Amino acid sequence: MMAVLLMEKNKTETITKFNRFKPEIHDRLGTAVLEIFSNSDFHKANIRDIAKRAGVSFSTIYNYYGSKEGLLFAFVNIWLGELTDRITDHLQGIEDLKEKIRKVFWLQLDYYEKNVGLGKILFMTLPMKTWMADETFQQRKMVNLFLDVLREGQDEGILNPDVRAGVLLDFVLGIVQRSFFMWISRGQKGSLTGQANVLFEMVWRAISNPGKEGVKSVGNDFFEKN
């Protein structure tokens, strides 16, 4: 209960801080945060550069957020919240478990393809240990949404019951992360979502219940066709 109250308190404080800014200032600040943190070494990025880029005073940013970490995590929390809301909306009306997970997988790839700066920050420039120490790392609403779907699959005997649902989630999100930064490494050639269905079918075989009749080994029919 205390953890939930703290999470809601932090969420409320973040929203309150953003509400103090005019929309145009908020947008300029967000753009500056994206540009600087996605294209610079995290340790070299600083509030003065962000303030200059956004046209907002250093003291204003510092008074609201206290540090560059506080500033970045506040925006990351908002952006990931938008992804969570989008996933929630798209899952409405989908009954089939496999199609639910396929949709979540595709939405993740699509969101980071359309928000490359955020993907670079989360997967490439932000030191994970630094983010893990902050409350925003938990992303409880998004994670619980995923876990509910995966546990549903385990309860129905469709997904592998021999590991925690969290392990299945780690596997799925690990593929998303790897796909993103290798897409960046290869010069963003093609669409990140272009092979989403092929990748998902491999993921599906990996997380499916191995004792379920009709489940093949990972990638069997993909490699048979190619």
C-alpha atoms as a PDB file:
ATOM      1  CA  MET A   1       0.000   0.000   0.000  1.00  0.00           C
ATOM      2  CA  MET A   2       2.822   2.404   0.901  1.00  0.00           C
ATOM      3  CA  ALA A   3       4.576   1.727  -2.432  1.00  0.00           C
ATOM      4  CA  VAL A   4       1.368   2.483  -4.338  1.00  0.00           C
ATOM      5  CA  LEU A   5       0.856   5.719  -2.381  1.00  0.00           C
ATOM      6  CA  LEU A   6       4.436   6.812  -3.085  1.00  0.00           C
ATOM      7  CA  MET A   7       4.027   6.038  -6.788  1.00  0.00           C
ATOM      8  CA  GLU A   8       0.826   8.086  -6.964  1.00  0.00           C
ATOM      9  CA  LYS A   9       2.517  10.904  -5.023  1.00  0.00           C
ATOM     10  CA  ASN A  10       5.449  10.982  -7.481  1.00  0.00           C
ATOM     11  CA  LYS A  11       3.056  10.878 -10.447  1.00  0.00           C
ATOM     12  CA  THR A  12       1.028  13.760  -9.007  1.00  0.00           C
ATOM     13  CA  GLU A  13       4.161  15.803  -8.329  1.00  0.00           C
ATOM     14  CA  THR A  14       5.386  15.256 -11.900  1.00  0.00           C
ATOM     15  CA  ILE A  15       2.046  16.316 -13.405  1.00  0.00           C
ATOM     16  CA  THR A  16       1.967  19.370 -11.120  1.00  0.00           C
ATOM     17  CA  LYS A  17       5.433  20.424 -12.264  1.00  0.00           C
ATOM     18  CA  PHE A  18       4.470  20.160 -15.930  1.00  0.00           C
ATOM     19  CA  ASN A  19       1.245  22.048 -15.352  1.00  0.00           C
ATOM     20  CA  ARG A  20       3.258  25.020 -14.106  1.00  0.00           C
ATOM     21  CA  PHE A  21       4.756  25.438 -17.562  1.00  0.00           C
ATOM     22  CA  LYS A  22       2.903  26.881 -20.511  1.00  0.00           C
ATOM     23  CA  PRO A  23       2.354  24.223 -23.221  1.00  0.00           C
ATOM     24  CA  GLU A  24       4.851  25.845 -25.587  1.00  0.00           C
ATOM     25  CA  ILE A  25       7.537  25.923 -22.884  1.00  0.00           C
ATOM     26  CA  HIS A  26       6.837  22.307 -21.995  1.00  0.00           C
ATOM     27  CA  ASP A  27       7.166  21.336 -25.671  1.00  0.00           C
ATOM     28  CA  ARG A  28      10.464  23.228 -26.080  1.00  0.00           C
ATOM     29  CA  LEU A  29      11.839  21.651 -22.936  1.00  0.00           C
ATOM     30  CA  GLY A  30      10.826  18.175 -24.062  1.00  0.00           C
ATOM     31  CA  THR A  31      12.414  18.695 -27.459  1.00  0.00           C
ATOM     32  CA  ALA A  32      15.645  19.870 -25.841  1.00  0.00           C
ATOM     33  CA  VAL A  33      15.724  16.903 -23.467  1.00  0.00           C
ATOM     34  CA  LEU A  34      15.235  14.490 -26.370  1.00  0.00           C
ATOM     35  CA  GLU A  35      17.865  16.088 -28.584  1.00  0.00           C
ATOM     36  CA  ILE A  36      20.559  16.414 -25.942  1.00  0.00           C
ATOM     37  CA  PHE A  37      20.151  13.129 -24.078  1.00  0.00           C
ATOM     38  CA  SER A  38      19.680  11.031 -27.216  1.00  0.00           C
ATOM     39  CA  ASN A  39      22.705  12.444 -29.022  1.00  0.00           C
ATOM     40  CA  SER A  40      25.140  13.071 -26.170  1.00  0.00           C
ATOM     41  CA  ASP A  41      26.950  10.993 -23.591  1.00  0.00           C
ATOM     42  CA  PHE A  42      24.704  10.997 -20.530  1.00  0.00           C
ATOM     43  CA  HIS A  43      27.500  12.202 -18.257  1.00  0.00           C
ATOM     44  CA  LYS A  44      28.288  15.156 -20.541  1.00  0.00           C
ATOM     45  CA  ALA A  45      24.683  16.334 -20.849  1.00  0.00           C
ATOM     46  CA  ASN A  46      23.816  19.158 -18.473  1.00  0.00           C
ATOM     47  CA  ILE A  47      20.970  21.446 -17.488  1.00  0.00           C
ATOM     48  CA  ARG A  48      22.696  24.575 -18.845  1.00  0.00           C
ATOM     49  CA  ASP A  49      22.757  23.152 -22.376  1.00  0.00           C
ATOM     50  CA  ILE A  50      19.132  22.070 -22.072  1.00  0.00           C
ATOM     51  CA  ALA A  51      18.119  25.493 -20.725  1.00  0.00           C
ATOM     52  CA  LYS A  52      19.886  27.226 -23.603  1.00  0.00           C
ATOM     53  CA  ARG A  53      18.351  24.924 -26.210  1.00  0.00           C
ATOM     54  CA  ALA A  54      14.844  25.274 -24.750  1.00  0.00           C
ATOM     55  CA  GLY A  55      15.028  28.975 -23.998  1.00  0.00           C
ATOM     56  CA  VAL A  56      14.214  28.370 -20.330  1.00  0.00           C
ATOM     57  CA  SER A  57      16.292  29.715 -17.468  1.00  0.00           C
ATOM     58  CA  PHE A  58      18.692  27.362 -15.698  1.00  0.00           C
ATOM     59  CA  SER A  59      17.307  28.338 -12.282  1.00  0.00           C
ATOM     60  CA  THR A  60      13.721  27.573 -13.338  1.00  0.00           C
ATOM     61  CA  ILE A  61      14.619  24.065 -14.482  1.00  0.00           C
ATOM     62  CA  TYR A  62      16.806  23.432 -11.448  1.00  0.00           C
ATOM     63  CA  ASN A  63      14.159  24.653  -9.006  1.00  0.00           C
ATOM     64  CA  TYR A  64      11.523  22.351 -10.498  1.00  0.00           C
ATOM     65  CA  TYR A  65      13.610  19.225 -11.064  1.00  0.00           C
ATOM     66  CA  GLY A  66      16.703  19.537  -8.892  1.00  0.00           C
ATOM     67  CA  SER A  67      19.023  17.720 -11.287  1.00  0.00           C
ATOM     68  CA  LYS A  68      19.403  16.601 -14.883  1.00  0.00           C
ATOM     69  CA  GLU A  69      18.337  13.116 -13.777  1.00  0.00           C
ATOM     70  CA  GLY A  70      15.136  14.464 -12.255  1.00  0.00           C
ATOM     71  CA  LEU A  71      14.403  16.415 -15.432  1.00  0.00           C
ATOM     72  CA  LEU A  72      15.049  13.476 -17.745  1.00  0.00           C
ATOM     73  CA  PHE A  73      13.133  10.933 -15.682  1.00  0.00           C
ATOM     74  CA  ALA A  74      10.119  13.241 -15.430  1.00  0.00           C
ATOM     75  CA  PHE A  75       9.883  13.397 -19.219  1.00  0.00           C
ATOM     76  CA  VAL A  76      10.626   9.689 -19.682  1.00  0.00           C
ATOM     77  CA  ASN A  77       7.786   8.925 -17.297  1.00  0.00           C
ATOM     78  CA  ILE A  78       5.392  11.033 -19.375  1.00  0.00           C
ATOM     79  CA  TRP A  79       6.507   9.506 -22.677  1.00  0.00           C
ATOM     80  CA  LEU A  80       6.272   5.925 -21.419  1.00  0.00           C
ATOM     81  CA  GLY A  81       2.897   6.777 -19.935  1.00  0.00           C
ATOM     82  CA  GLU A  82       1.747   7.725 -23.429  1.00  0.00           C
ATOM     83  CA  LEU A  83       2.949   4.346 -24.715  1.00  0.00           C
ATOM     84  CA  THR A  84       1.090   2.577 -21.908  1.00  0.00           C
ATOM     85  CA  ASP A  85      -2.122   4.439 -22.728  1.00  0.00           C
ATOM     86  CA  ARG A  86      -1.733   3.578 -26.402  1.00  0.00           C
ATOM     87  CA  ILE A  87      -1.276  -0.123 -25.599  1.00  0.00           C
ATOM     88  CA  THR A  88      -4.303  -0.077 -23.305  1.00  0.00           C
ATOM     89  CA  ASP A  89      -6.447   1.455 -26.059  1.00  0.00           C
ATOM     90  CA  HIS A  90      -5.277  -0.997 -28.726  1.00  0.00           C
ATOM     91  CA  LEU A  91      -5.912  -4.056 -26.569  1.00  0.00           C
ATOM     92  CA  GLN A  92      -9.582  -3.186 -26.229  1.00  0.00           C
ATOM     93  CA  GLY A  93     -11.724  -5.771 -27.988  1.00  0.00           C
ATOM     94  CA  ILE A  94      -8.903  -8.268 -28.641  1.00  0.00           C
ATOM     95  CA  GLU A  95      -9.880 -11.621 -27.096  1.00  0.00           C
ATOM     96  CA  ASP A  96      -7.257 -13.970 -28.526  1.00  0.00           C
ATOM     97  CA  LEU A  97      -4.213 -14.174 -26.244  1.00  0.00           C
ATOM     98  CA  LYS A  98      -1.673 -14.568 -29.032  1.00  0.00           C
ATOM     99  CA  GLU A  99      -3.043 -11.536 -30.840  1.00  0.00           C
ATOM    100  CA  LYS A 100      -2.907  -9.500 -27.627  1.00  0.00           C
ATOM    101  CA  ILE A 101       0.793 -10.242 -27.216  1.00  0.00           C
ATOM    102  CA  ARG A 102       1.430  -9.687 -30.932  1.00  0.00           C
ATOM    103  CA  LYS A 103      -0.207  -6.273 -30.668  1.00  0.00           C
ATOM    104  CA  VAL A 104       1.856  -5.324 -27.603  1.00  0.00           C
ATOM    105  CA  PHE A 105       5.049  -6.425 -29.372  1.00  0.00           C
ATOM    106  CA  TRP A 106       4.210  -4.459 -32.528  1.00  0.00           C
ATOM    107  CA  LEU A 107       3.201  -1.341 -30.586  1.00  0.00           C
ATOM    108  CA  GLN A 108       6.520  -1.311 -28.759  1.00  0.00           C
ATOM    109  CA  LEU A 109       8.514  -1.485 -31.997  1.00  0.00           C
ATOM    110  CA  ASP A 110       6.264   1.061 -33.690  1.00  0.00           C
ATOM    111  CA  TYR A 111       6.481   3.526 -30.799  1.00  0.00           C
ATOM    112  CA  TYR A 112      10.271   3.495 -30.702  1.00  0.00           C
ATOM    113  CA  GLU A 113      10.496   3.698 -34.484  1.00  0.00           C
ATOM    114  CA  LYS A 114       8.371   6.852 -34.349  1.00  0.00           C
ATOM    115  CA  ASN A 115      10.157   8.152 -31.239  1.00  0.00           C
ATOM    116  CA  VAL A 116      13.756   7.342 -32.051  1.00  0.00           C
ATOM    117  CA  GLY A 117      15.158   9.816 -29.533  1.00  0.00           C
ATOM    118  CA  LEU A 118      13.360   8.134 -26.668  1.00  0.00           C
ATOM    119  CA  GLY A 119      14.534   4.721 -27.815  1.00  0.00           C
ATOM    120  CA  LYS A 120      18.132   5.927 -27.929  1.00  0.00           C
ATOM    121  CA  ILE A 121      17.837   7.346 -24.423  1.00  0.00           C
ATOM    122  CA  LEU A 122      16.294   4.220 -22.900  1.00  0.00           C
ATOM    123  CA  PHE A 123      18.345   1.603 -24.705  1.00  0.00           C
ATOM    124  CA  MET A 124      21.645   3.302 -25.531  1.00  0.00           C
ATOM    125  CA  THR A 125      22.628   6.458 -23.644  1.00  0.00           C
ATOM    126  CA  LEU A 126      20.987   6.243 -20.220  1.00  0.00           C
ATOM    127  CA  PRO A 127      23.077   4.293 -17.658  1.00  0.00           C
ATOM    128  CA  MET A 128      20.699   1.576 -16.485  1.00  0.00           C
ATOM    129  CA  LYS A 129      21.987   1.660 -12.909  1.00  0.00           C
ATOM    130  CA  THR A 130      21.133   5.364 -12.696  1.00  0.00           C
ATOM    131  CA  TRP A 131      17.585   4.837 -13.942  1.00  0.00           C
ATOM    132  CA  MET A 132      17.010   1.758 -11.790  1.00  0.00           C
ATOM    133  CA  ALA A 133      17.570   3.891  -8.696  1.00  0.00           C
ATOM    134  CA  ASP A 134      14.629   6.115  -9.653  1.00  0.00           C
ATOM    135  CA  GLU A 135      10.950   5.345  -9.072  1.00  0.00           C
ATOM    136  CA  THR A 136      10.124   5.921 -12.747  1.00  0.00           C
ATOM    137  CA  PHE A 137      12.104   2.820 -13.723  1.00  0.00           C
ATOM    138  CA  GLN A 138       9.370   0.583 -12.303  1.00  0.00           C
ATOM    139  CA  GLN A 139       6.683   1.658 -14.817  1.00  0.00           C
ATOM    140  CA  ARG A 140       4.223  -0.359 -12.768  1.00  0.00           C
ATOM    141  CA  LYS A 141       1.145   0.401 -14.867  1.00  0.00           C
ATOM    142  CA  MET A 142       2.789  -0.792 -18.086  1.00  0.00           C
ATOM    143  CA  VAL A 143       4.510  -3.788 -16.486  1.00  0.00           C
ATOM    144  CA  ASN A 144       1.362  -4.936 -14.693  1.00  0.00           C
ATOM    145  CA  LEU A 145      -0.558  -4.635 -17.945  1.00  0.00           C
ATOM    146  CA  PHE A 146       1.951  -6.952 -19.633  1.00  0.00           C
ATOM    147  CA  LEU A 147       2.113  -9.363 -16.710  1.00  0.00           C
ATOM    148  CA  ASP A 148      -1.670  -9.712 -16.547  1.00  0.00           C
ATOM    149  CA  VAL A 149      -1.733 -10.841 -20.173  1.00  0.00           C
ATOM    150  CA  LEU A 150       1.172 -13.266 -19.704  1.00  0.00           C
ATOM    151  CA  ARG A 151      -0.284 -14.749 -16.512  1.00  0.00           C
ATOM    152  CA  GLU A 152      -3.577 -15.219 -18.311  1.00  0.00           C
ATOM    153  CA  GLY A 153      -1.716 -17.277 -20.896  1.00  0.00           C
ATOM    154  CA  GLN A 154       0.013 -19.347 -18.239  1.00  0.00           C
ATOM    155  CA  ASP A 155      -3.249 -19.985 -16.404  1.00  0.00           C
ATOM    156  CA  GLU A 156      -4.819 -21.188 -19.645  1.00  0.00           C
ATOM    157  CA  GLY A 157      -1.872 -23.504 -20.321  1.00  0.00           C
ATOM    158  CA  ILE A 158      -0.891 -21.622 -23.470  1.00  0.00           C
ATOM    159  CA  LEU A 159       2.363 -20.054 -22.255  1.00  0.00           C
ATOM    160  CA  ASN A 160       5.314 -21.723 -20.547  1.00  0.00           C
ATOM    161  CA  PRO A 161       4.278 -22.355 -16.927  1.00  0.00           C
ATOM    162  CA  ASP A 162       7.776 -23.343 -15.760  1.00  0.00           C
ATOM    163  CA  VAL A 163       9.056 -19.765 -15.318  1.00  0.00           C
ATOM    164  CA  ARG A 164       7.647 -16.625 -13.752  1.00  0.00           C
ATOM    165  CA  ALA A 165       5.601 -14.359 -15.982  1.00  0.00           C
ATOM    166  CA  GLY A 166       8.293 -11.760 -15.345  1.00  0.00           C
ATOM    167  CA  VAL A 167      10.851 -13.953 -17.105  1.00  0.00           C
ATOM    168  CA  LEU A 168       8.597 -14.190 -20.158  1.00  0.00           C
ATOM    169  CA  LEU A 169       8.254 -10.415 -20.100  1.00  0.00           C
ATOM    170  CA  ASP A 170      12.027  -9.959 -19.863  1.00  0.00           C
ATOM    171  CA  PHE A 171      12.448 -12.170 -22.929  1.00  0.00           C
ATOM    172  CA  VAL A 172       9.883 -10.261 -25.009  1.00  0.00           C
ATOM    173  CA  LEU A 173      11.197  -6.809 -24.053  1.00  0.00           C
ATOM    174  CA  GLY A 174      14.769  -7.988 -24.574  1.00  0.00           C
ATOM    175  CA  ILE A 175      13.949  -8.716 -28.221  1.00  0.00           C
ATOM    176  CA  VAL A 176      12.419  -5.250 -28.571  1.00  0.00           C
ATOM    177  CA  GLN A 177      15.512  -3.602 -27.133  1.00  0.00           C
ATOM    178  CA  ARG A 178      17.971  -5.628 -29.226  1.00  0.00           C
ATOM    179  CA  SER A 179      15.937  -5.030 -32.382  1.00  0.00           C
ATOM    180  CA  PHE A 180      15.968  -1.289 -31.770  1.00  0.00           C
ATOM    181  CA  PHE A 181      19.647  -0.688 -31.178  1.00  0.00           C
ATOM    182  CA  MET A 182      20.712  -3.019 -33.987  1.00  0.00           C
ATOM    183  CA  TRP A 183      18.318  -1.099 -36.264  1.00  0.00           C
ATOM    184  CA  ILE A 184      20.154   2.072 -35.213  1.00  0.00           C
ATOM    185  CA  SER A 185      23.547   0.389 -35.659  1.00  0.00           C
ATOM    186  CA  ARG A 186      22.607  -0.617 -39.217  1.00  0.00           C
ATOM    187  CA  GLY A 187      21.697   2.938 -40.151  1.00  0.00           C
ATOM    188  CA  GLN A 188      17.926   2.600 -39.646  1.00  0.00           C
ATOM    189  CA  LYS A 189      17.637   0.732 -42.930  1.00  0.00           C
ATOM    190  CA  GLY A 190      14.103  -0.420 -43.585  1.00  0.00           C
ATOM    191  CA  SER A 191      11.287  -0.278 -41.089  1.00  0.00           C
ATOM    192  CA  LEU A 192      11.738  -1.461 -37.521  1.00  0.00           C
ATOM    193  CA  THR A 193       8.249  -2.923 -37.674  1.00  0.00           C
ATOM    194  CA  GLY A 194       8.810  -4.451 -41.109  1.00  0.00           C
ATOM    195  CA  GLN A 195       9.645  -7.883 -39.707  1.00  0.00           C
ATOM    196  CA  ALA A 196       7.537  -7.574 -36.583  1.00  0.00           C
ATOM    197  CA  ASN A 197       5.370 -10.573 -37.445  1.00  0.00           C
ATOM    198  CA  VAL A 198       8.320 -12.834 -38.266  1.00  0.00           C
ATOM    199  CA  LEU A 199      10.059 -11.831 -35.054  1.00  0.00           C
ATOM    200  CA  PHE A 200       6.891 -12.255 -33.059  1.00  0.00           C
ATOM    201  CA  GLU A 201       6.306 -15.790 -34.341  1.00  0.00           C
ATOM    202  CA  MET A 202       9.786 -16.701 -33.095  1.00  0.00           C
ATOM    203  CA  VAL A 203       9.073 -15.020 -29.763  1.00  0.00           C
ATOM    204  CA  TRP A 204       5.736 -16.820 -29.536  1.00  0.00           C
ATOM    205  CA  ARG A 205       7.341 -20.230 -29.975  1.00  0.00           C
ATOM    206  CA  ALA A 206       9.906 -19.371 -27.333  1.00  0.00           C
ATOM    207  CA  ILE A 207       7.345 -18.396 -24.677  1.00  0.00           C
ATOM    208  CA  SER A 208       4.672 -20.970 -25.548  1.00  0.00           C
ATOM    209  CA  ASN A 209       4.030 -23.968 -23.326  1.00  0.00           C
ATOM    210  CA  PRO A 210       6.471 -26.645 -24.591  1.00  0.00           C
ATOM    211  CA  GLY A 211       4.002 -29.321 -23.523  1.00  0.00           C
ATOM    212  CA  LYS A 212       1.176 -27.817 -25.546  1.00  0.00           C
ATOM    213  CA  GLU A 213       0.316 -29.932 -28.581  1.00  0.00           C
ATOM    214  CA  GLY A 214       1.209 -28.237 -31.848  1.00  0.00           C
ATOM    215  CA  VAL A 215       3.985 -26.008 -30.456  1.00  0.00           C
ATOM    216  CA  LYS A 216       7.116 -26.189 -32.629  1.00  0.00           C
ATOM    217  CA  SER A 217      10.684 -25.362 -31.735  1.00  0.00           C
ATOM    218  CA  VAL A 218      11.721 -21.726 -32.081  1.00  0.00           C
ATOM    219  CA  GLY A 219      11.870 -20.635 -35.708  1.00  0.00           C
ATOM    220  CA  ASN A 220      11.429 -24.104 -37.256  1.00  0.00           C
ATOM    221  CA  ASP A 221       9.019 -23.205 -40.028  1.00  0.00           C
ATOM    222  CA  PHE A 222      10.741 -19.847 -40.559  1.00  0.00           C
ATOM    223  CA  PHE A 223      14.053 -21.548 -41.351  1.00  0.00           C
ATOM    224  CA  GLU A 224      12.294 -24.267 -43.382  1.00  0.00           C
ATOM    225  CA  LYS A 225      10.840 -21.564 -45.620  1.00  0.00           C
ATOM    226  CA  ASN A 226      14.127 -19.679 -45.934  1.00  0.00           C
END
